[in-house]
């Protein structure tokens, strides 16, 4: 790649014109984590969080956020998403969120997957902050993608 695709010859921001590209099946997987104390992990595991089922709320938040990615990322194309899954799991340090987003379109869904993970982790923070104000969200990244001219990729 010789230059940034979201700027024109003068350096001004622009939305990339994808009209000449073919529609292809595209998938992106993103993951991230939130580290938390034992009390917050226990609240999730035991279903005792004061605000209710935190994983259910985080899952819905992530799915909703993926559908609205173009509203919050300025140069992102609005895409007809065909599928979104958001998996949440506890481990010894906290929780891991993994989003898989699908479309049949002209551009990839990496931003939608990243947005889903970010919103899910933010929701976990919001719902558990009374138990642990020092939670740390980290390691949010695209772990795999498929489709488009660059083909398949995985971290």
Protein backbone atom coordinates (compact mmCIF):
# COMPACT_ATOMS: atom_id res chain seq x y z
CA UNK A 1 0.00 0.00 0.00
CA UNK A 2 1.47 3.33 -1.05
CA UNK A 3 -0.70 5.74 0.92
CA UNK A 4 -3.57 6.12 3.29
CA UNK A 5 -6.87 5.19 1.67
CA UNK A 6 -8.92 7.63 3.76
CA UNK A 7 -7.18 10.76 2.50
CA UNK A 8 -7.19 12.38 -0.92
CA UNK A 9 -4.21 13.81 -2.85
CA UNK A 10 -4.30 16.98 -0.72
CA UNK A 11 -4.45 15.06 2.56
CA UNK A 12 -8.13 15.77 3.25
CA UNK A 13 -10.24 13.06 4.86
CA UNK A 14 -12.60 11.13 2.60
CA UNK A 15 -14.72 8.04 2.62
CA UNK A 16 -13.19 5.47 0.27
CA UNK A 17 -15.27 4.86 -2.86
CA UNK A 18 -15.95 1.12 -2.97
CA UNK A 19 -18.61 1.21 -5.68
CA UNK A 20 -16.45 -0.65 -8.24
CA UNK A 21 -15.66 -3.51 -5.84
CA UNK A 22 -17.54 -6.79 -6.03
CA UNK A 23 -19.72 -7.97 -3.17
CA UNK A 24 -18.06 -10.89 -1.40
CA UNK A 25 -18.71 -12.80 1.79
CA UNK A 26 -16.66 -11.21 4.56
CA UNK A 27 -16.05 -12.14 8.18
CA UNK A 28 -14.00 -10.54 10.92
CA UNK A 29 -13.24 -11.80 14.42
CA UNK A 30 -12.08 -9.46 17.18
CA UNK A 31 -11.24 -10.16 20.77
CA UNK A 32 -10.37 -8.24 23.90
CA UNK A 33 -10.35 -8.60 27.63
CA UNK A 34 -11.15 -6.81 30.86
CA UNK A 35 -9.15 -7.66 33.95
CA UNK A 36 -11.00 -7.39 37.25
CA UNK A 37 -10.76 -8.35 40.90
CA UNK A 38 -12.02 -11.61 42.40
CA UNK A 39 -15.22 -10.01 43.71
CA UNK A 40 -16.24 -8.77 40.25
CA UNK A 41 -15.49 -12.17 38.68
CA UNK A 42 -17.52 -13.85 41.41
CA UNK A 43 -20.45 -11.49 40.78
CA UNK A 44 -20.51 -12.63 37.15
CA UNK A 45 -20.02 -16.32 37.93
CA UNK A 46 -22.65 -16.36 40.67
CA UNK A 47 -25.10 -14.05 38.86
CA UNK A 48 -25.10 -11.76 41.89
CA UNK A 49 -24.24 -8.42 40.27
CA UNK A 50 -26.59 -5.69 41.49
CA UNK A 51 -27.39 -4.64 37.91
CA UNK A 52 -28.37 -8.15 36.79
CA UNK A 53 -26.97 -10.49 34.16
CA UNK A 54 -23.89 -8.56 33.09
CA UNK A 55 -22.93 -10.96 30.28
CA UNK A 56 -26.42 -10.70 28.74
CA UNK A 57 -26.28 -6.90 28.82
CA UNK A 58 -22.73 -6.83 27.43
CA UNK A 59 -23.67 -9.21 24.61
CA UNK A 60 -26.63 -7.05 23.56
CA UNK A 61 -24.52 -3.87 23.83
CA UNK A 62 -21.83 -5.36 21.60
CA UNK A 63 -24.31 -6.50 18.97
CA UNK A 64 -26.06 -3.12 18.98
CA UNK A 65 -22.74 -1.29 18.71
CA UNK A 66 -21.60 -3.37 15.74
CA UNK A 67 -24.80 -2.40 13.92
CA UNK A 68 -24.09 1.31 14.57
CA UNK A 69 -20.35 1.39 13.83
CA UNK A 70 -20.66 3.84 10.95
CA UNK A 71 -22.42 6.28 13.30
CA UNK A 72 -19.40 6.50 15.60
CA UNK A 73 -16.39 5.87 13.32
CA UNK A 74 -16.45 8.86 10.94
CA UNK A 75 -15.23 7.32 7.66
CA UNK A 76 -16.64 3.84 8.14
CA UNK A 77 -19.15 2.62 5.55
CA UNK A 78 -22.62 1.65 6.77
CA UNK A 79 -22.88 -2.08 6.10
CA UNK A 80 -25.74 -4.56 5.92
CA UNK A 81 -24.51 -7.00 8.54
CA UNK A 82 -25.73 -10.56 8.04
CA UNK A 83 -24.62 -12.02 11.35
CA UNK A 84 -23.08 -11.02 14.67
CA UNK A 85 -22.10 -13.27 17.54
CA UNK A 86 -20.54 -12.06 20.74
CA UNK A 87 -19.09 -14.64 23.09
CA UNK A 88 -18.09 -13.83 26.66
CA UNK A 89 -16.10 -16.03 29.01
CA UNK A 90 -14.52 -15.76 32.42
CA UNK A 91 -10.91 -16.69 33.07
CA UNK A 92 -8.57 -16.34 36.04
CA UNK A 93 -8.01 -12.60 35.42
CA UNK A 94 -11.40 -11.38 34.23
CA UNK A 95 -13.52 -11.69 31.13
CA UNK A 96 -12.77 -12.19 27.45
CA UNK A 97 -15.05 -10.91 24.68
CA UNK A 98 -14.95 -12.32 21.15
CA UNK A 99 -17.07 -10.91 18.34
CA UNK A 100 -17.62 -12.50 14.95
CA UNK A 101 -19.25 -10.27 12.35
CA UNK A 102 -20.40 -11.26 8.84
CA UNK A 103 -21.59 -9.43 5.75
CA UNK A 104 -21.82 -9.86 2.00
CA UNK A 105 -20.49 -6.58 0.73
CA UNK A 106 -17.80 -4.41 -0.79
CA UNK A 107 -15.75 -3.75 2.34
CA UNK A 108 -14.70 -5.65 5.43
CA UNK A 109 -16.23 -5.80 8.89
CA UNK A 110 -13.13 -5.44 11.06
CA UNK A 111 -14.33 -2.14 12.52
CA UNK A 112 -17.71 -3.65 13.39
CA UNK A 113 -16.05 -6.56 15.22
CA UNK A 114 -13.72 -4.20 17.11
CA UNK A 115 -16.63 -1.94 18.03
CA UNK A 116 -18.67 -4.90 19.29
CA UNK A 117 -15.84 -6.05 21.57
CA UNK A 118 -15.19 -2.53 22.84
CA UNK A 119 -18.85 -1.88 23.67
CA UNK A 120 -19.20 -5.24 25.41
CA UNK A 121 -16.15 -4.56 27.59
CA UNK A 122 -17.34 -1.03 28.37
CA UNK A 123 -20.69 -2.47 29.44
CA UNK A 124 -18.98 -4.95 31.75
CA UNK A 125 -17.08 -2.05 33.29
CA UNK A 126 -20.27 -0.03 33.73
CA UNK A 127 -22.18 -2.88 35.32
CA UNK A 128 -19.36 -3.92 37.69
CA UNK A 129 -17.70 -0.61 38.59
CA UNK A 130 -19.33 -0.59 42.03
CA UNK A 131 -17.42 -3.80 42.78
CA UNK A 132 -14.13 -2.92 41.04
CA UNK A 133 -13.25 0.60 39.91
CA UNK A 134 -9.79 -0.49 38.72
CA UNK A 135 -10.82 -2.85 35.91
CA UNK A 136 -8.55 -2.62 32.87
CA UNK A 137 -9.73 -3.15 29.30
CA UNK A 138 -6.92 -4.32 27.05
CA UNK A 139 -5.69 -6.39 24.14
CA UNK A 140 -8.56 -5.40 21.83
CA UNK A 141 -7.55 -6.57 18.36
CA UNK A 142 -8.66 -8.22 15.14
CA UNK A 143 -7.73 -11.88 15.38
CA UNK A 144 -8.97 -13.06 11.97
CA UNK A 145 -10.66 -11.91 8.79
CA UNK A 146 -11.77 -13.49 5.56
CA UNK A 147 -13.06 -12.30 2.21
CA UNK A 148 -12.20 -9.42 -0.05
CA UNK A 149 -9.19 -9.00 -2.31
CA UNK A 150 -6.67 -9.48 0.51
CA UNK A 151 -8.20 -12.87 1.36
CA UNK A 152 -7.95 -14.69 4.64
CA UNK A 153 -5.78 -13.59 7.55
CA UNK A 154 -5.39 -14.61 11.17
CA UNK A 155 -3.17 -13.39 13.99
